[in-house]
């Protein structure tokens, strides 16, 4: 027993509770893609998931999970020992085809993918340039790496370029003494999870090319969400400009747990990158592989997206436009955008908590996002729309949010 440690931890928890930042786990069971029940059987309409296309409950996805379960409930080992299921290779090939890349490697989570990629590729004298609002998994990946980290202002490519120029100047002076050459990495979300805005990929690609940087884009909230066929940030800009930036991105990182309705993460890129990660990325090497069922369900979801992208993306976009219009017309303090992530800025953490709890009483679940996930005094409701929400569900939810806004604000 360590009384000092126990007291310290209890004091920190008390401080979190005092500041309305204490997090707890509430049990939830989904009965459809849009509805869930709690332990008492209370039913809720959910507007807080990352299940953008609602494929978690699609019959073909569930059937694929069941069919693969005959091969065992677990993989039994890492991919480099006994966990190299046929399903994993099939999904990797499918993702590579979808993303138009040479190769793909599956990790156990999107979080571990970012950690595993950044930690494996960077060395002590390298420099990582990371967007100010990147996801926690990118931030943590840069922190555990041995590289130096430079944070550029959110989506500010001028600031990014200035930081790179300063680093080049500093490196030129150092190289004269040590003859060590640094590798530069630019890392950014494709779609940012808290504000729902899109990275300036064409400018990032141009800078990466001009200054010989390795460009890594996290497509977790982009795949299945933007682009004509849901292929993500690259396709989004190709639709707008006609320019294909696939070859300008060295690595695309993604997740299987959002639009692809399962669990896990992946990285796609040139074959030599994937070969290197297989041999050097510790989260890949030392983790038990995902089960065949988990991988098979993701593959089924990806196939559904490929076969029905027009329908899914049309539904998702129409629902997003409707919800944004209803809230915007009522004068709510929303972060503007076109993504189904709709942040409603509340301000103080205690008020954001109260909003969320009052909506819960109305049978609607919306996430309350507070520091450290967002800056102080920028706590918010993070509303996420799905392709499977009905017009009636959207209108009902918007009405309840607007009513509360008029009362609480």
Protein backbone atom coordinates (compact mmCIF):
# COMPACT_ATOMS: atom_id res chain seq x y z
CA UNK A 1 0.00 0.00 0.00
CA UNK A 2 1.18 3.50 -0.83
CA UNK A 3 -0.95 6.05 1.12
CA UNK A 4 0.74 9.01 -0.54
CA UNK A 5 -0.11 7.74 -4.00
CA UNK A 6 -3.69 6.88 -3.02
CA UNK A 7 -4.24 10.35 -1.55
CA UNK A 8 -2.73 12.01 -4.60
CA UNK A 9 -4.97 10.09 -6.99
CA UNK A 10 -8.09 10.75 -4.89
CA UNK A 11 -7.28 14.47 -4.81
CA UNK A 12 -6.95 14.53 -8.58
CA UNK A 13 -10.28 12.75 -8.99
CA UNK A 14 -11.93 15.20 -6.58
CA UNK A 15 -10.51 18.10 -8.59
CA UNK A 16 -11.86 16.63 -11.84
CA UNK A 17 -15.30 16.23 -10.29
CA UNK A 18 -15.20 19.78 -8.92
CA UNK A 19 -14.48 21.13 -12.41
CA UNK A 20 -17.12 18.95 -14.12
CA UNK A 21 -14.40 16.99 -15.93
CA UNK A 22 -14.81 13.61 -14.23
CA UNK A 23 -15.52 10.84 -16.72
CA UNK A 24 -17.58 7.75 -15.98
CA UNK A 25 -18.61 4.68 -17.95
CA UNK A 26 -22.32 4.23 -18.60
CA UNK A 27 -23.44 0.86 -19.93
CA UNK A 28 -25.22 0.85 -23.25
CA UNK A 29 -26.55 -1.81 -25.61
CA UNK A 30 -27.42 -0.98 -29.21
CA UNK A 31 -30.64 -2.53 -30.49
CA UNK A 32 -30.28 -0.92 -33.92
CA UNK A 33 -27.79 1.36 -35.59
CA UNK A 34 -29.53 4.46 -34.18
CA UNK A 35 -31.12 3.25 -30.92
CA UNK A 36 -29.77 1.82 -27.68
CA UNK A 37 -30.95 0.82 -24.20
CA UNK A 38 -29.37 1.23 -20.76
CA UNK A 39 -29.31 -1.24 -17.86
CA UNK A 40 -32.85 -0.27 -16.86
CA UNK A 41 -34.22 -0.85 -20.35
CA UNK A 42 -34.65 2.85 -21.12
CA UNK A 43 -34.44 3.46 -24.86
CA UNK A 44 -32.43 6.27 -26.42
CA UNK A 45 -32.05 7.79 -29.84
CA UNK A 46 -28.28 8.06 -30.36
CA UNK A 47 -26.58 11.01 -32.04
CA UNK A 48 -23.12 10.48 -30.61
CA UNK A 49 -21.51 7.54 -32.39
CA UNK A 50 -18.93 7.22 -35.16
CA UNK A 51 -21.08 4.64 -36.94
CA UNK A 52 -21.51 7.03 -39.86
CA UNK A 53 -23.11 4.62 -42.33
CA UNK A 54 -25.02 2.60 -39.74
CA UNK A 55 -23.50 -0.65 -40.99
CA UNK A 56 -23.00 -2.22 -37.54
CA UNK A 57 -26.46 -3.73 -37.81
CA UNK A 58 -26.54 -4.51 -41.51
CA UNK A 59 -27.54 -8.18 -42.03
CA UNK A 60 -24.59 -8.86 -44.36
CA UNK A 61 -22.09 -7.51 -41.85
CA UNK A 62 -23.58 -9.60 -39.03
CA UNK A 63 -23.71 -12.67 -41.25
CA UNK A 64 -20.04 -12.26 -42.19
CA UNK A 65 -19.18 -12.10 -38.49
CA UNK A 66 -21.12 -15.29 -37.77
CA UNK A 67 -19.67 -17.20 -40.71
CA UNK A 68 -16.09 -16.42 -39.67
CA UNK A 69 -16.77 -17.40 -36.05
CA UNK A 70 -16.52 -21.09 -37.01
CA UNK A 71 -12.75 -20.51 -37.20
CA UNK A 72 -12.58 -19.64 -33.50
CA UNK A 73 -13.42 -16.77 -31.18
CA UNK A 74 -9.88 -15.44 -31.12
CA UNK A 75 -6.87 -15.33 -33.42
CA UNK A 76 -4.64 -17.21 -30.89
CA UNK A 77 -1.53 -15.10 -31.49
CA UNK A 78 0.16 -12.24 -33.29
CA UNK A 79 0.15 -12.08 -37.08
CA UNK A 80 3.80 -13.15 -37.03
CA UNK A 81 3.04 -16.34 -35.09
CA UNK A 82 -0.37 -18.02 -35.38
CA UNK A 83 -2.74 -15.09 -35.87
CA UNK A 84 -2.35 -14.60 -39.62
CA UNK A 85 -5.92 -15.41 -40.65
CA UNK A 86 -7.00 -15.54 -44.28
CA UNK A 87 -9.58 -12.88 -43.48
CA UNK A 88 -6.88 -10.36 -42.51
CA UNK A 89 -5.03 -10.64 -45.80
CA UNK A 90 -8.30 -10.46 -47.74
CA UNK A 91 -9.26 -7.24 -45.96
CA UNK A 92 -5.81 -5.72 -46.45
CA UNK A 93 -5.97 -6.39 -50.19
CA UNK A 94 -9.49 -4.96 -50.30
CA UNK A 95 -8.45 -1.75 -48.52
CA UNK A 96 -5.44 -1.35 -50.81
CA UNK A 97 -7.69 -1.62 -53.85
CA UNK A 98 -10.17 0.83 -52.35
CA UNK A 99 -7.46 3.34 -51.44
CA UNK A 100 -5.48 2.75 -54.65
CA UNK A 101 -2.30 1.95 -52.70
CA UNK A 102 0.26 -0.83 -53.05
CA UNK A 103 -0.24 -2.44 -49.66
CA UNK A 104 -2.04 -2.27 -46.31
CA UNK A 105 -1.34 -3.50 -42.79
CA UNK A 106 -4.01 -4.05 -40.12
CA UNK A 107 -3.45 -3.03 -36.49
CA UNK A 108 -5.65 -3.75 -33.47
CA UNK A 109 -7.01 -0.20 -33.17
CA UNK A 110 -6.74 3.07 -35.02
CA UNK A 111 -5.06 4.50 -31.92
CA UNK A 112 -2.36 1.83 -31.99
CA UNK A 113 -1.90 2.33 -35.71
CA UNK A 114 -0.86 5.94 -35.22
CA UNK A 115 1.41 5.03 -32.33
CA UNK A 116 2.90 2.09 -34.20
CA UNK A 117 3.54 3.96 -37.45
CA UNK A 118 4.96 7.17 -35.99
CA UNK A 119 7.13 5.41 -33.42
CA UNK A 120 8.53 2.93 -35.93
CA UNK A 121 9.36 5.37 -38.72
CA UNK A 122 10.91 8.24 -36.79
CA UNK A 123 14.40 8.43 -35.35
CA UNK A 124 16.11 10.63 -32.78
CA UNK A 125 17.27 13.35 -35.18
CA UNK A 126 14.01 13.47 -37.19
CA UNK A 127 11.39 16.22 -36.96
CA UNK A 128 7.60 15.78 -36.92
CA UNK A 129 5.34 18.68 -37.92
CA UNK A 130 1.93 18.06 -36.39
CA UNK A 131 -1.33 20.02 -36.73
CA UNK A 132 -2.41 21.75 -33.53
CA UNK A 133 -5.77 19.92 -33.46
CA UNK A 134 -4.61 16.43 -34.40
CA UNK A 135 -6.22 13.46 -32.68
CA UNK A 136 -4.82 12.26 -29.34
CA UNK A 137 -3.42 9.12 -30.98
CA UNK A 138 -1.23 11.24 -33.26
CA UNK A 139 -0.19 13.44 -30.35
CA UNK A 140 0.72 10.41 -28.25
CA UNK A 141 2.57 8.84 -31.17
CA UNK A 142 4.73 11.93 -31.51
CA UNK A 143 5.34 12.05 -27.76
CA UNK A 144 6.66 8.50 -27.50
CA UNK A 145 8.81 8.90 -30.60
CA UNK A 146 12.42 9.99 -30.30
CA UNK A 147 11.88 12.71 -32.89
CA UNK A 148 11.55 16.43 -32.25
CA UNK A 149 7.98 17.72 -32.59
CA UNK A 150 6.88 21.06 -34.00
CA UNK A 151 3.20 22.03 -33.70
CA UNK A 152 1.82 24.24 -36.46
CA UNK A 153 -1.34 26.32 -36.13
CA UNK A 154 -4.48 24.48 -37.13
CA UNK A 155 -4.64 24.12 -40.93
CA UNK A 156 -2.21 27.04 -41.25
CA UNK A 157 0.10 25.96 -44.08
CA UNK A 158 2.04 29.24 -43.95
CA UNK A 159 2.93 28.53 -40.33
CA UNK A 160 3.85 24.97 -41.28
CA UNK A 161 6.15 26.14 -44.06
CA UNK A 162 7.81 28.70 -41.81
CA UNK A 163 8.49 26.04 -39.19
CA UNK A 164 10.00 23.76 -41.83
CA UNK A 165 12.24 26.55 -43.15
CA UNK A 166 13.47 27.30 -39.63
CA UNK A 167 14.19 23.62 -39.07
CA UNK A 168 16.10 23.36 -42.35
CA UNK A 169 18.22 26.36 -41.37
CA UNK A 170 18.88 24.87 -37.96
CA UNK A 171 19.68 21.48 -39.49
CA UNK A 172 22.13 22.98 -41.97
CA UNK A 173 24.08 24.46 -39.08
CA UNK A 174 23.99 21.20 -37.13
CA UNK A 175 24.91 19.06 -40.13
CA UNK A 176 28.09 21.01 -40.60
CA UNK A 177 29.14 19.70 -37.20
CA UNK A 178 27.58 16.21 -36.98
CA UNK A 179 26.83 15.24 -40.59
CA UNK A 180 23.50 13.79 -39.41
CA UNK A 181 20.61 14.31 -41.79
CA UNK A 182 17.10 14.70 -40.38
CA UNK A 183 13.97 13.27 -41.98
CA UNK A 184 10.90 15.48 -41.89
CA UNK A 185 7.35 14.19 -41.32
CA UNK A 186 4.07 16.08 -41.74
CA UNK A 187 1.20 14.43 -39.87
CA UNK A 188 -2.42 15.57 -40.02
CA UNK A 189 -5.95 14.34 -39.61
CA UNK A 190 -7.86 14.26 -42.88
CA UNK A 191 -11.08 15.20 -41.07
CA UNK A 192 -10.62 16.63 -37.58
CA UNK A 193 -12.70 14.81 -35.00
CA UNK A 194 -13.65 17.71 -32.72
CA UNK A 195 -14.44 20.51 -35.20
CA UNK A 196 -15.39 18.34 -38.19
CA UNK A 197 -13.29 20.37 -40.65
CA UNK A 198 -11.14 19.06 -43.49
CA UNK A 199 -7.35 19.29 -43.80
CA UNK A 200 -5.93 21.43 -46.65
CA UNK A 201 -4.51 18.38 -48.39
CA UNK A 202 -3.41 20.02 -51.67
CA UNK A 203 -1.30 22.56 -49.78
CA UNK A 204 0.10 19.91 -47.43
CA UNK A 205 1.05 17.74 -50.42
CA UNK A 206 2.75 20.66 -52.15
CA UNK A 207 4.78 21.52 -49.06
CA UNK A 208 5.70 17.87 -48.46
CA UNK A 209 6.93 17.57 -52.03
CA UNK A 210 8.89 20.82 -51.98
CA UNK A 211 10.68 20.10 -48.71
CA UNK A 212 11.02 16.29 -49.04
CA UNK A 213 8.70 15.49 -46.13
CA UNK A 214 6.97 12.18 -45.48
CA UNK A 215 3.24 13.00 -45.48
CA UNK A 216 0.98 10.95 -43.19
CA UNK A 217 -2.79 11.53 -43.17
CA UNK A 218 -5.20 9.98 -40.66
CA UNK A 219 -8.42 9.16 -42.51
CA UNK A 220 -10.38 7.83 -39.53
CA UNK A 221 -13.26 10.30 -39.89
CA UNK A 222 -12.90 10.66 -43.67
CA UNK A 223 -13.18 7.12 -45.03
CA UNK A 224 -16.82 6.32 -45.75
CA UNK A 225 -17.72 9.95 -45.03
CA UNK A 226 -16.31 12.24 -47.74
CA UNK A 227 -15.53 11.82 -51.41
CA UNK A 228 -17.99 10.69 -54.06
CA UNK A 229 -17.42 7.04 -53.19
CA UNK A 230 -16.43 7.51 -49.57
CA UNK A 231 -12.72 7.03 -50.23
CA UNK A 232 -11.78 9.95 -48.02
CA UNK A 233 -9.77 13.14 -48.26
CA UNK A 234 -7.94 12.29 -51.49
CA UNK A 235 -11.19 11.63 -53.34
CA UNK A 236 -12.81 14.70 -51.79
CA UNK A 237 -10.19 16.97 -53.33
CA UNK A 238 -10.10 15.03 -56.58
CA UNK A 239 -13.85 15.66 -56.91
CA UNK A 240 -13.23 19.39 -56.39
CA UNK A 241 -10.00 19.94 -58.35
CA UNK A 242 -9.64 16.96 -60.67
CA UNK A 243 -6.17 16.32 -59.24
CA UNK A 244 -5.40 12.89 -57.76
CA UNK A 245 -3.20 13.29 -54.67
CA UNK A 246 -2.90 9.58 -53.86
CA UNK A 247 0.79 9.41 -54.73
CA UNK A 248 1.46 12.59 -52.75
CA UNK A 249 0.49 10.89 -49.48
CA UNK A 250 3.09 8.47 -48.21
CA UNK A 251 0.81 6.77 -45.71
CA UNK A 252 -2.95 6.80 -45.13
CA UNK A 253 -4.00 5.69 -41.67
CA UNK A 254 -7.55 4.65 -40.92
CA UNK A 255 -9.87 2.75 -38.66
CA UNK A 256 -12.27 -0.15 -39.00
CA UNK A 257 -14.38 1.07 -36.08
CA UNK A 258 -16.23 3.99 -37.63
CA UNK A 259 -17.79 3.84 -41.11
CA UNK A 260 -16.52 0.26 -41.50
CA UNK A 261 -18.58 -0.86 -38.51
CA UNK A 262 -16.09 -3.14 -36.77
CA UNK A 263 -12.88 -2.79 -34.75
CA UNK A 264 -9.24 -2.23 -35.63
CA UNK A 265 -7.02 0.10 -37.62
CA UNK A 266 -4.92 0.05 -40.77
CA UNK A 267 -2.18 1.85 -42.64
CA UNK A 268 -1.95 1.94 -46.44
CA UNK A 269 0.96 2.96 -48.63
CA UNK A 270 3.86 1.72 -50.70
CA UNK A 271 4.97 -1.86 -50.16
CA UNK A 272 8.35 -1.00 -48.63
CA UNK A 273 6.66 1.06 -45.90
CA UNK A 274 4.40 -1.86 -45.01
CA UNK A 275 7.31 -4.33 -45.06
CA UNK A 276 9.24 -2.05 -42.74
CA UNK A 277 6.34 -1.74 -40.31
CA UNK A 278 5.85 -5.50 -40.23
CA UNK A 279 9.44 -5.79 -39.04
CA UNK A 280 9.76 -2.69 -36.86
CA UNK A 281 6.37 -1.62 -35.46
CA UNK A 282 6.12 -2.99 -31.95
CA UNK A 283 2.31 -2.59 -31.55
CA UNK A 284 1.92 -4.78 -34.64
CA UNK A 285 4.63 -7.31 -33.74
CA UNK A 286 3.64 -7.87 -30.13
CA UNK A 287 -0.17 -7.67 -30.25
CA UNK A 288 -2.48 -10.64 -30.61
CA UNK A 289 -4.19 -10.25 -33.96
CA UNK A 290 -7.86 -9.39 -34.34
CA UNK A 291 -10.27 -12.31 -34.52
CA UNK A 292 -11.38 -13.62 -37.94
CA UNK A 293 -14.96 -12.51 -37.19
CA UNK A 294 -13.94 -8.94 -36.41
CA UNK A 295 -11.97 -8.68 -39.64
CA UNK A 296 -14.64 -10.39 -41.74
CA UNK A 297 -17.31 -7.97 -40.57
CA UNK A 298 -15.13 -4.99 -41.53
CA UNK A 299 -14.54 -6.51 -44.94
CA UNK A 300 -18.28 -7.00 -45.44
CA UNK A 301 -18.88 -3.36 -44.49
CA UNK A 302 -16.22 -2.20 -46.94
CA UNK A 303 -17.80 -4.26 -49.72
CA UNK A 304 -21.20 -2.73 -48.95
CA UNK A 305 -19.66 0.75 -49.13
CA UNK A 306 -18.03 -0.05 -52.49
CA UNK A 307 -21.23 -1.51 -53.91
CA UNK A 308 -23.64 1.12 -52.57
CA UNK A 309 -21.54 4.24 -52.08
CA UNK A 310 -23.95 6.52 -53.93
CA UNK A 311 -26.87 5.50 -51.71
CA UNK A 312 -24.96 5.63 -48.42
CA UNK A 313 -23.16 8.91 -49.11
CA UNK A 314 -26.33 10.52 -50.43
CA UNK A 315 -28.26 9.57 -47.28
CA UNK A 316 -25.43 10.73 -45.04
CA UNK A 317 -25.06 14.07 -46.82
CA UNK A 318 -28.81 14.74 -46.91
CA UNK A 319 -29.11 14.02 -43.19
CA UNK A 320 -26.11 16.19 -42.43
CA UNK A 321 -27.47 19.11 -44.45
CA UNK A 322 -30.88 18.82 -42.79
CA UNK A 323 -29.52 18.76 -39.24
CA UNK A 324 -27.10 21.62 -39.88
CA UNK A 325 -29.86 23.74 -41.45
CA UNK A 326 -32.30 23.19 -38.59
CA UNK A 327 -29.71 24.12 -35.96
CA UNK A 328 -28.22 26.98 -37.94
CA UNK A 329 -31.63 28.55 -38.65
CA UNK A 330 -32.31 28.53 -34.90
CA UNK A 331 -29.13 30.52 -34.25
CA UNK A 332 -27.14 27.90 -32.35
CA UNK A 333 -23.40 28.44 -31.95
CA UNK A 334 -22.27 25.74 -34.39
CA UNK A 335 -18.90 25.14 -35.99
CA UNK A 336 -19.61 25.55 -39.70
CA UNK A 337 -18.81 22.71 -42.08
CA UNK A 338 -20.14 19.94 -44.28
CA UNK A 339 -19.18 16.89 -42.22
CA UNK A 340 -21.68 14.83 -40.15
CA UNK A 341 -19.66 15.84 -37.08
CA UNK A 342 -21.61 18.87 -35.84
CA UNK A 343 -20.07 20.67 -32.84
CA UNK A 344 -22.38 22.97 -30.89
CA UNK A 345 -20.18 25.21 -28.76
CA UNK A 346 -21.59 25.58 -25.25
CA UNK A 347 -18.61 27.07 -23.39
CA UNK A 348 -18.29 26.04 -19.72
CA UNK A 349 -17.88 22.33 -18.99
CA UNK A 350 -20.66 22.30 -16.40
CA UNK A 351 -23.15 23.75 -18.88
CA UNK A 352 -22.17 21.26 -21.57
CA UNK A 353 -22.72 18.47 -19.05
CA UNK A 354 -26.13 19.86 -18.17
CA UNK A 355 -27.13 20.03 -21.84
CA UNK A 356 -26.16 16.40 -22.32
CA UNK A 357 -28.00 15.24 -19.18
CA UNK A 358 -31.17 17.15 -20.10
CA UNK A 359 -31.15 15.61 -23.57
CA UNK A 360 -30.70 12.20 -21.99
CA UNK A 361 -33.88 12.79 -19.98
CA UNK A 362 -35.59 13.38 -23.33
CA UNK A 363 -34.33 10.03 -24.61
CA UNK A 364 -31.54 11.45 -26.78
CA UNK A 365 -27.84 10.66 -26.37
CA UNK A 366 -25.39 13.35 -27.51
CA UNK A 367 -21.77 13.45 -26.35
CA UNK A 368 -20.58 16.25 -24.08
CA UNK A 369 -16.98 17.02 -25.00
CA UNK A 370 -14.89 18.80 -22.39
CA UNK A 371 -11.21 19.57 -21.70
CA UNK A 372 -8.67 18.16 -22.30
CA UNK A 373 -10.33 16.95 -25.52
CA UNK A 374 -11.13 20.58 -26.39
CA UNK A 375 -9.74 23.92 -25.12
CA UNK A 376 -11.00 25.48 -21.91
CA UNK A 377 -14.29 27.35 -22.35
CA UNK A 378 -14.86 25.52 -25.66
CA UNK A 379 -16.83 22.57 -24.25
CA UNK A 380 -19.47 21.41 -26.66
CA UNK A 381 -22.13 18.98 -27.70
CA UNK A 382 -20.58 16.82 -30.41
CA UNK A 383 -23.50 15.73 -32.54
CA UNK A 384 -22.87 13.03 -35.14
CA UNK A 385 -25.36 12.25 -37.88
CA UNK A 386 -25.68 8.83 -39.52
CA UNK A 387 -26.91 7.68 -42.90
CA UNK A 388 -29.54 5.54 -41.14
CA UNK A 389 -31.14 8.32 -39.10
CA UNK A 390 -34.63 9.09 -40.33
CA UNK A 391 -35.86 12.58 -41.15
CA UNK A 392 -38.25 12.35 -38.21
CA UNK A 393 -35.41 11.41 -35.81
CA UNK A 394 -33.33 14.35 -37.01
CA UNK A 395 -36.19 16.84 -36.74
CA UNK A 396 -37.15 15.59 -33.26
CA UNK A 397 -33.56 15.80 -32.02
CA UNK A 398 -33.00 19.26 -33.49
CA UNK A 399 -36.21 20.49 -31.89
CA UNK A 400 -35.20 19.22 -28.43
CA UNK A 401 -31.70 20.74 -28.74
CA UNK A 402 -33.13 24.10 -29.81
CA UNK A 403 -35.64 24.10 -26.95
CA UNK A 404 -32.86 23.44 -24.44
CA UNK A 405 -30.61 26.04 -26.05
CA UNK A 406 -33.29 28.69 -25.59
CA UNK A 407 -33.74 27.71 -21.94
CA UNK A 408 -30.16 27.07 -20.82
CA UNK A 409 -28.28 29.67 -22.84
